Amino acid sequence: MRTLRSAAPAGLGLLGLTIAAAQAPPATVKTALYEVRDGTRVDARTFAGWRTWRALACDRCHGEAQQGLVGPSLLQALKVLTPLEFQRTVSEGRQEKGMPSFGTNPRLGDNWEGLYAYLKGRAEGDIAAGPLTSLGESPAP
């Protein structure tokens, strides 16, 4: 279940709220997988997943914004992959398609659920491309 909280003032009429919501993402999105504020501040597990994405250099094949390069777009793939399908894919790889196995990498073993949450949030459009901060940290100035 998704919970959305808009930063729009409460006094706006229905039409005003609809226009405001169409112009900017909600200030806070909370799902069973992740919490994100303002598109770039995420919960600790999702933040660890983003750091795993960067550490494993997944962008070399899947693109800096997960749009796909020699590997498929994860923005599309994560719309249909279940968590277990995702875990199997990253752990075992897809050798026939050129994707290596990351199953022996301890960073992935500790953070695959956070990586899934990060990529799912990107696929849903809730998490912005680019640098993130943890909700426990102060936002960058």
N, C-alpha and C. Protein backbone atom coordinates (compact mmCIF):
# COMPACT_ATOMS: atom_id res chain seq x y z
N MET A 1 0.83 -1.18 0.00
CA MET A 1 0.00 0.00 0.00
C MET A 1 0.87 1.24 0.00
N ARG A 2 0.55 2.21 -0.83
CA ARG A 2 1.30 3.45 -0.93
C ARG A 2 0.59 4.55 -0.16
N THR A 3 1.35 5.29 0.61
CA THR A 3 0.83 6.46 1.29
C THR A 3 1.54 7.67 0.73
N LEU A 4 0.78 8.62 0.21
CA LEU A 4 1.35 9.82 -0.36
C LEU A 4 0.97 11.00 0.50
N ARG A 5 1.94 11.86 0.76
CA ARG A 5 1.67 13.08 1.50
C ARG A 5 2.16 14.24 0.67
N SER A 6 1.26 15.13 0.31
CA SER A 6 1.61 16.29 -0.49
C SER A 6 2.02 17.43 0.40
N ALA A 7 2.91 18.26 -0.13
CA ALA A 7 3.33 19.46 0.59
C ALA A 7 2.41 20.63 0.28
N ALA A 8 1.34 20.42 -0.49
CA ALA A 8 0.41 21.49 -0.86
C ALA A 8 -0.36 21.97 0.36
N PRO A 9 -0.61 23.29 0.47
CA PRO A 9 -1.38 23.81 1.60
C PRO A 9 -2.78 23.20 1.65
N ALA A 10 -3.29 23.01 2.86
CA ALA A 10 -4.58 22.36 3.05
C ALA A 10 -5.73 23.21 2.51
N GLY A 11 -5.57 24.51 2.37
CA GLY A 11 -6.65 25.38 1.93
C GLY A 11 -6.92 25.33 0.44
N LEU A 12 -6.12 24.61 -0.34
CA LEU A 12 -6.35 24.55 -1.78
C LEU A 12 -7.61 23.76 -2.09
N GLY A 13 -8.33 24.20 -3.08
CA GLY A 13 -9.50 23.45 -3.53
C GLY A 13 -9.07 22.21 -4.27
N LEU A 14 -10.01 21.36 -4.61
CA LEU A 14 -9.71 20.12 -5.30
C LEU A 14 -8.96 20.38 -6.60
N LEU A 15 -9.39 21.36 -7.37
CA LEU A 15 -8.71 21.66 -8.63
C LEU A 15 -7.29 22.12 -8.38
N GLY A 16 -7.09 22.97 -7.41
CA GLY A 16 -5.75 23.46 -7.09
C GLY A 16 -4.83 22.34 -6.65
N LEU A 17 -5.35 21.41 -5.85
CA LEU A 17 -4.56 20.28 -5.38
C LEU A 17 -4.18 19.38 -6.54
N THR A 18 -5.10 19.15 -7.47
CA THR A 18 -4.82 18.33 -8.63
C THR A 18 -3.72 18.95 -9.47
N ILE A 19 -3.78 20.24 -9.69
CA ILE A 19 -2.75 20.91 -10.48
C ILE A 19 -1.41 20.84 -9.76
N ALA A 20 -1.37 21.09 -8.47
CA ALA A 20 -0.12 21.04 -7.72
C ALA A 20 0.48 19.64 -7.75
N ALA A 21 -0.36 18.62 -7.61
CA ALA A 21 0.14 17.25 -7.61
C ALA A 21 0.70 16.87 -8.97
N ALA A 22 0.14 17.40 -10.04
CA ALA A 22 0.62 17.07 -11.37
C ALA A 22 1.95 17.75 -11.66
N GLN A 23 2.25 18.86 -11.00
CA GLN A 23 3.47 19.61 -11.27
C GLN A 23 4.67 19.09 -10.50
N ALA A 24 4.48 18.50 -9.35
CA ALA A 24 5.60 18.06 -8.53
C ALA A 24 5.26 16.74 -7.87
N PRO A 25 6.29 15.89 -7.64
CA PRO A 25 6.02 14.63 -6.95
C PRO A 25 5.62 14.91 -5.50
N PRO A 26 4.92 13.99 -4.90
CA PRO A 26 4.53 14.17 -3.50
C PRO A 26 5.77 14.36 -2.64
N ALA A 27 5.64 15.11 -1.57
CA ALA A 27 6.77 15.35 -0.69
C ALA A 27 7.23 14.06 -0.02
N THR A 28 6.31 13.17 0.31
CA THR A 28 6.65 11.91 0.97
C THR A 28 5.87 10.76 0.34
N VAL A 29 6.57 9.68 0.06
CA VAL A 29 5.94 8.44 -0.41
C VAL A 29 6.43 7.34 0.51
N LYS A 30 5.48 6.58 1.06
CA LYS A 30 5.84 5.47 1.94
C LYS A 30 5.13 4.23 1.44
N THR A 31 5.92 3.19 1.14
CA THR A 31 5.37 1.90 0.73
C THR A 31 5.90 0.84 1.69
N ALA A 32 5.50 -0.39 1.46
CA ALA A 32 6.03 -1.49 2.27
C ALA A 32 7.52 -1.68 2.03
N LEU A 33 8.02 -1.23 0.87
CA LEU A 33 9.43 -1.42 0.51
C LEU A 33 10.33 -0.25 0.88
N TYR A 34 9.83 0.97 0.77
CA TYR A 34 10.69 2.14 0.95
C TYR A 34 9.89 3.35 1.41
N GLU A 35 10.65 4.34 1.91
CA GLU A 35 10.10 5.65 2.21
C GLU A 35 11.02 6.65 1.53
N VAL A 36 10.44 7.62 0.85
CA VAL A 36 11.22 8.65 0.16
C VAL A 36 10.57 10.01 0.39
N ARG A 37 11.40 11.00 0.64
CA ARG A 37 10.93 12.38 0.78
C ARG A 37 11.61 13.22 -0.28
N ASP A 38 10.82 14.02 -0.93
CA ASP A 38 11.32 14.96 -1.95
C ASP A 38 12.15 14.29 -3.03
N GLY A 39 11.93 13.01 -3.26
CA GLY A 39 12.57 12.29 -4.36
C GLY A 39 13.99 11.86 -4.12
N THR A 40 14.68 12.44 -3.12
CA THR A 40 16.10 12.14 -2.95
C THR A 40 16.50 11.73 -1.53
N ARG A 41 15.58 11.75 -0.60
CA ARG A 41 15.88 11.34 0.78
C ARG A 41 15.13 10.05 1.06
N VAL A 42 15.86 8.99 1.37
CA VAL A 42 15.26 7.66 1.48
C VAL A 42 15.59 7.02 2.83
N ASP A 43 14.82 6.00 3.18
CA ASP A 43 15.06 5.25 4.41
C ASP A 43 16.43 4.55 4.34
N ALA A 44 16.91 4.10 5.48
CA ALA A 44 18.26 3.53 5.60
C ALA A 44 18.47 2.31 4.71
N ARG A 45 17.48 1.41 4.65
CA ARG A 45 17.65 0.20 3.83
C ARG A 45 17.75 0.54 2.36
N THR A 46 16.90 1.45 1.88
CA THR A 46 16.93 1.86 0.48
C THR A 46 18.23 2.60 0.19
N PHE A 47 18.71 3.40 1.13
CA PHE A 47 19.97 4.10 0.97
C PHE A 47 21.12 3.09 0.82
N ALA A 48 21.11 2.04 1.64
CA ALA A 48 22.13 0.99 1.53
C ALA A 48 22.03 0.30 0.17
N GLY A 49 20.82 0.14 -0.34
CA GLY A 49 20.63 -0.44 -1.68
C GLY A 49 21.21 0.45 -2.76
N TRP A 50 21.01 1.76 -2.65
CA TRP A 50 21.58 2.71 -3.61
C TRP A 50 23.11 2.65 -3.57
N ARG A 51 23.66 2.56 -2.36
CA ARG A 51 25.12 2.47 -2.23
C ARG A 51 25.63 1.17 -2.84
N THR A 52 24.86 0.09 -2.71
CA THR A 52 25.23 -1.18 -3.32
C THR A 52 25.22 -1.04 -4.84
N TRP A 53 24.19 -0.38 -5.39
CA TRP A 53 24.12 -0.10 -6.83
C TRP A 53 25.41 0.56 -7.31
N ARG A 54 25.85 1.57 -6.58
CA ARG A 54 27.05 2.31 -6.96
C ARG A 54 28.31 1.46 -6.78
N ALA A 55 28.39 0.73 -5.67
CA ALA A 55 29.59 -0.07 -5.38
C ALA A 55 29.78 -1.20 -6.39
N LEU A 56 28.69 -1.80 -6.84
CA LEU A 56 28.78 -2.90 -7.80
C LEU A 56 28.87 -2.40 -9.24
N ALA A 57 28.79 -1.08 -9.43
CA ALA A 57 28.91 -0.44 -10.75
C ALA A 57 27.88 -0.99 -11.73
N CYS A 58 26.66 -1.17 -11.27
CA CYS A 58 25.58 -1.68 -12.11
C CYS A 58 25.29 -0.74 -13.28
N ASP A 59 25.63 0.54 -13.10
CA ASP A 59 25.37 1.54 -14.15
C ASP A 59 26.17 1.27 -15.41
N ARG A 60 27.25 0.51 -15.32
CA ARG A 60 28.05 0.22 -16.53
C ARG A 60 27.21 -0.49 -17.59
N CYS A 61 26.27 -1.31 -17.17
CA CYS A 61 25.43 -2.04 -18.12
C CYS A 61 23.99 -1.53 -18.17
N HIS A 62 23.50 -1.07 -17.03
CA HIS A 62 22.08 -0.69 -16.95
C HIS A 62 21.85 0.81 -17.04
N GLY A 63 22.92 1.60 -17.13
CA GLY A 63 22.80 3.05 -17.30
C GLY A 63 22.76 3.78 -15.98
N GLU A 64 23.26 5.00 -16.00
CA GLU A 64 23.34 5.82 -14.79
C GLU A 64 21.97 6.04 -14.15
N ALA A 65 20.95 6.17 -14.98
CA ALA A 65 19.58 6.39 -14.48
C ALA A 65 18.73 5.13 -14.67
N GLN A 66 19.37 3.97 -14.76
CA GLN A 66 18.71 2.66 -14.91
C GLN A 66 17.91 2.53 -16.20
N GLN A 67 18.21 3.36 -17.18
CA GLN A 67 17.47 3.40 -18.44
C GLN A 67 17.86 2.27 -19.39
N GLY A 68 18.94 1.57 -19.11
CA GLY A 68 19.41 0.49 -19.96
C GLY A 68 20.50 0.96 -20.90
N LEU A 69 21.51 0.14 -21.06
CA LEU A 69 22.58 0.34 -22.04
C LEU A 69 22.76 -1.00 -22.74
N VAL A 70 23.84 -1.72 -22.43
CA VAL A 70 23.96 -3.08 -22.97
C VAL A 70 23.07 -4.04 -22.19
N GLY A 71 22.75 -3.69 -20.96
CA GLY A 71 21.79 -4.44 -20.16
C GLY A 71 20.42 -3.78 -20.28
N PRO A 72 19.37 -4.47 -19.88
CA PRO A 72 18.02 -3.92 -20.04
C PRO A 72 17.74 -2.74 -19.11
N SER A 73 16.71 -2.00 -19.45
CA SER A 73 16.21 -0.93 -18.58
C SER A 73 15.65 -1.55 -17.32
N LEU A 74 16.18 -1.13 -16.19
CA LEU A 74 15.64 -1.62 -14.93
C LEU A 74 14.39 -0.85 -14.54
N LEU A 75 14.18 0.29 -15.15
CA LEU A 75 12.95 1.04 -14.91
C LEU A 75 11.75 0.24 -15.42
N GLN A 76 11.95 -0.49 -16.49
CA GLN A 76 10.89 -1.35 -17.02
C GLN A 76 10.87 -2.71 -16.31
N ALA A 77 12.04 -3.30 -16.13
CA ALA A 77 12.11 -4.65 -15.55
C ALA A 77 11.53 -4.70 -14.14
N LEU A 78 11.78 -3.66 -13.34
CA LEU A 78 11.33 -3.68 -11.95
C LEU A 78 9.83 -3.43 -11.83
N LYS A 79 9.18 -3.14 -12.92
CA LYS A 79 7.71 -3.03 -12.88
C LYS A 79 7.07 -4.41 -12.80
N VAL A 80 7.82 -5.45 -13.20
CA VAL A 80 7.25 -6.80 -13.22
C VAL A 80 8.02 -7.83 -12.39
N LEU A 81 9.30 -7.60 -12.11
CA LEU A 81 10.08 -8.57 -11.34
C LEU A 81 9.64 -8.60 -9.87
N THR A 82 9.41 -9.78 -9.36
CA THR A 82 9.12 -9.92 -7.93
C THR A 82 10.45 -9.86 -7.17
N PRO A 83 10.39 -9.65 -5.87
CA PRO A 83 11.64 -9.65 -5.11
C PRO A 83 12.44 -10.95 -5.28
N LEU A 84 11.78 -12.10 -5.28
CA LEU A 84 12.52 -13.37 -5.42
C LEU A 84 13.11 -13.54 -6.81
N GLU A 85 12.40 -13.10 -7.85
CA GLU A 85 12.95 -13.16 -9.21
C GLU A 85 14.18 -12.24 -9.30
N PHE A 86 14.09 -11.07 -8.69
CA PHE A 86 15.20 -10.14 -8.68
C PHE A 86 16.40 -10.75 -7.96
N GLN A 87 16.17 -11.32 -6.76
CA GLN A 87 17.26 -11.92 -6.01
C GLN A 87 17.94 -13.02 -6.81
N ARG A 88 17.16 -13.87 -7.43
CA ARG A 88 17.71 -14.95 -8.23
C ARG A 88 18.54 -14.40 -9.40
N THR A 89 18.03 -13.37 -10.05
CA THR A 89 18.72 -12.79 -11.20
C THR A 89 20.07 -12.21 -10.79
N VAL A 90 20.10 -11.40 -9.73
CA VAL A 90 21.37 -10.78 -9.35
C VAL A 90 22.32 -11.78 -8.70
N SER A 91 21.78 -12.78 -8.02
CA SER A 91 22.64 -13.79 -7.38
C SER A 91 23.24 -14.75 -8.38
N GLU A 92 22.42 -15.24 -9.31
CA GLU A 92 22.88 -16.24 -10.27
C GLU A 92 23.39 -15.63 -11.57
N GLY A 93 22.96 -14.40 -11.87
CA GLY A 93 23.33 -13.78 -13.14
C GLY A 93 22.50 -14.35 -14.28
N ARG A 94 22.75 -13.83 -15.43
CA ARG A 94 22.17 -14.36 -16.67
C ARG A 94 23.31 -14.47 -17.67
N GLN A 95 24.09 -15.52 -17.47
CA GLN A 95 25.32 -15.70 -18.25
C GLN A 95 25.08 -15.65 -19.75
N GLU A 96 23.96 -16.24 -20.20
CA GLU A 96 23.66 -16.26 -21.63
C GLU A 96 23.41 -14.86 -22.20
N LYS A 97 23.10 -13.91 -21.32
CA LYS A 97 22.85 -12.53 -21.76
C LYS A 97 24.00 -11.61 -21.37
N GLY A 98 25.03 -12.17 -20.74
CA GLY A 98 26.20 -11.37 -20.38
C GLY A 98 26.18 -10.79 -18.98
N MET A 99 25.17 -11.13 -18.17
CA MET A 99 25.13 -10.60 -16.81
C MET A 99 25.85 -11.55 -15.86
N PRO A 100 26.88 -11.04 -15.17
CA PRO A 100 27.61 -11.90 -14.24
C PRO A 100 26.79 -12.20 -12.98
N SER A 101 27.24 -13.21 -12.27
CA SER A 101 26.65 -13.57 -10.98
C SER A 101 27.27 -12.70 -9.89
N PHE A 102 26.44 -12.18 -9.01
CA PHE A 102 26.94 -11.42 -7.87
C PHE A 102 26.65 -12.15 -6.57
N GLY A 103 26.31 -13.43 -6.67
CA GLY A 103 25.90 -14.21 -5.50
C GLY A 103 26.96 -14.36 -4.43
N THR A 104 28.24 -14.29 -4.79
CA THR A 104 29.29 -14.44 -3.79
C THR A 104 29.75 -13.09 -3.24
N ASN A 105 29.19 -12.02 -3.73
CA ASN A 105 29.58 -10.68 -3.27
C ASN A 105 28.86 -10.39 -1.95
N PRO A 106 29.59 -10.22 -0.85
CA PRO A 106 28.94 -10.01 0.44
C PRO A 106 28.10 -8.73 0.48
N ARG A 107 28.51 -7.73 -0.26
CA ARG A 107 27.73 -6.48 -0.26
C ARG A 107 26.32 -6.74 -0.80
N LEU A 108 26.21 -7.53 -1.85
CA LEU A 108 24.89 -7.85 -2.39
C LEU A 108 24.12 -8.75 -1.43
N GLY A 109 24.80 -9.73 -0.85
CA GLY A 109 24.12 -10.63 0.08
C GLY A 109 23.49 -9.89 1.25
N ASP A 110 24.14 -8.84 1.71
CA ASP A 110 23.63 -8.07 2.83
C ASP A 110 22.58 -7.03 2.42
N ASN A 111 22.56 -6.67 1.15
CA ASN A 111 21.75 -5.52 0.74
C ASN A 111 20.83 -5.76 -0.46
N TRP A 112 20.59 -7.00 -0.87
CA TRP A 112 19.79 -7.19 -2.09
C TRP A 112 18.37 -6.64 -1.93
N GLU A 113 17.81 -6.73 -0.72
CA GLU A 113 16.45 -6.21 -0.52
C GLU A 113 16.42 -4.68 -0.63
N GLY A 114 17.45 -4.02 -0.12
CA GLY A 114 17.56 -2.58 -0.26
C GLY A 114 17.78 -2.17 -1.70
N LEU A 115 18.57 -2.96 -2.43
CA LEU A 115 18.79 -2.69 -3.85
C LEU A 115 17.48 -2.84 -4.61
N TYR A 116 16.72 -3.87 -4.28
CA TYR A 116 15.41 -4.05 -4.91
C TYR A 116 14.50 -2.86 -4.60
N ALA A 117 14.49 -2.43 -3.33
CA ALA A 117 13.65 -1.29 -2.94
C ALA A 117 14.05 -0.03 -3.70
N TYR A 118 15.36 0.23 -3.81
CA TYR A 118 15.84 1.40 -4.54
C TYR A 118 15.38 1.35 -6.00
N LEU A 119 15.60 0.22 -6.65
CA LEU A 119 15.24 0.11 -8.07
C LEU A 119 13.72 0.12 -8.27
N LYS A 120 12.98 -0.44 -7.35
CA LYS A 120 11.52 -0.40 -7.43
C LYS A 120 11.03 1.04 -7.30
N GLY A 121 11.62 1.79 -6.38
CA GLY A 121 11.27 3.20 -6.23
C GLY A 121 11.61 4.01 -7.46
N ARG A 122 12.72 3.68 -8.11
CA ARG A 122 13.08 4.35 -9.37
C ARG A 122 12.05 3.99 -10.46
N ALA A 123 11.69 2.70 -10.54
CA ALA A 123 10.73 2.26 -11.56
C ALA A 123 9.36 2.90 -11.36
N GLU A 124 8.99 3.11 -10.12
CA GLU A 124 7.69 3.73 -9.81
C GLU A 124 7.72 5.25 -9.98
N GLY A 125 8.91 5.82 -10.15
CA GLY A 125 9.04 7.27 -10.31
C GLY A 125 9.04 8.02 -8.99
N ASP A 126 9.17 7.30 -7.87
CA ASP A 126 9.16 7.94 -6.56
C ASP A 126 10.54 8.42 -6.14
N ILE A 127 11.59 7.74 -6.61
CA ILE A 127 12.96 8.09 -6.27
C ILE A 127 13.62 8.68 -7.51
N ALA A 128 14.23 9.83 -7.34
CA ALA A 128 14.88 10.52 -8.45
C ALA A 128 16.21 9.86 -8.80
N ALA A 129 16.64 10.01 -10.04
CA ALA A 129 17.97 9.57 -10.45
C ALA A 129 18.99 10.49 -9.81
N GLY A 130 20.17 9.97 -9.54
CA GLY A 130 21.23 10.80 -8.99
C GLY A 130 21.47 10.52 -7.53
N PRO A 131 22.27 11.37 -6.90
CA PRO A 131 22.66 11.15 -5.50
C PRO A 131 21.46 11.17 -4.55
N LEU A 132 21.55 10.32 -3.53
CA LEU A 132 20.53 10.25 -2.49
C LEU A 132 21.16 10.53 -1.14
N THR A 133 20.32 10.87 -0.18
CA THR A 133 20.76 10.95 1.20
C THR A 133 19.79 10.11 2.02
N SER A 134 20.27 9.68 3.17
CA SER A 134 19.44 8.89 4.08
C SER A 134 18.54 9.85 4.86
N LEU A 135 17.35 9.40 5.18
CA LEU A 135 16.43 10.21 5.98
C LEU A 135 17.03 10.59 7.32
N GLY A 136 17.99 9.80 7.80
CA GLY A 136 18.64 10.10 9.06
C GLY A 136 19.69 11.20 8.96
N GLU A 137 20.03 11.62 7.74
CA GLU A 137 21.03 12.67 7.54
C GLU A 137 20.33 13.98 7.19
N SER A 138 21.03 15.06 7.37
CA SER A 138 20.52 16.36 6.95
C SER A 138 20.61 16.44 5.43
N PRO A 139 19.59 17.03 4.77
CA PRO A 139 19.66 17.17 3.32
C PRO A 139 20.78 18.11 2.91
N ALA A 140 21.35 17.87 1.73
CA ALA A 140 22.42 18.72 1.22
C ALA A 140 21.89 20.14 0.98
N PRO A 141 22.71 21.16 1.25
CA PRO A 141 22.24 22.55 1.06
C PRO A 141 22.00 22.90 -0.39
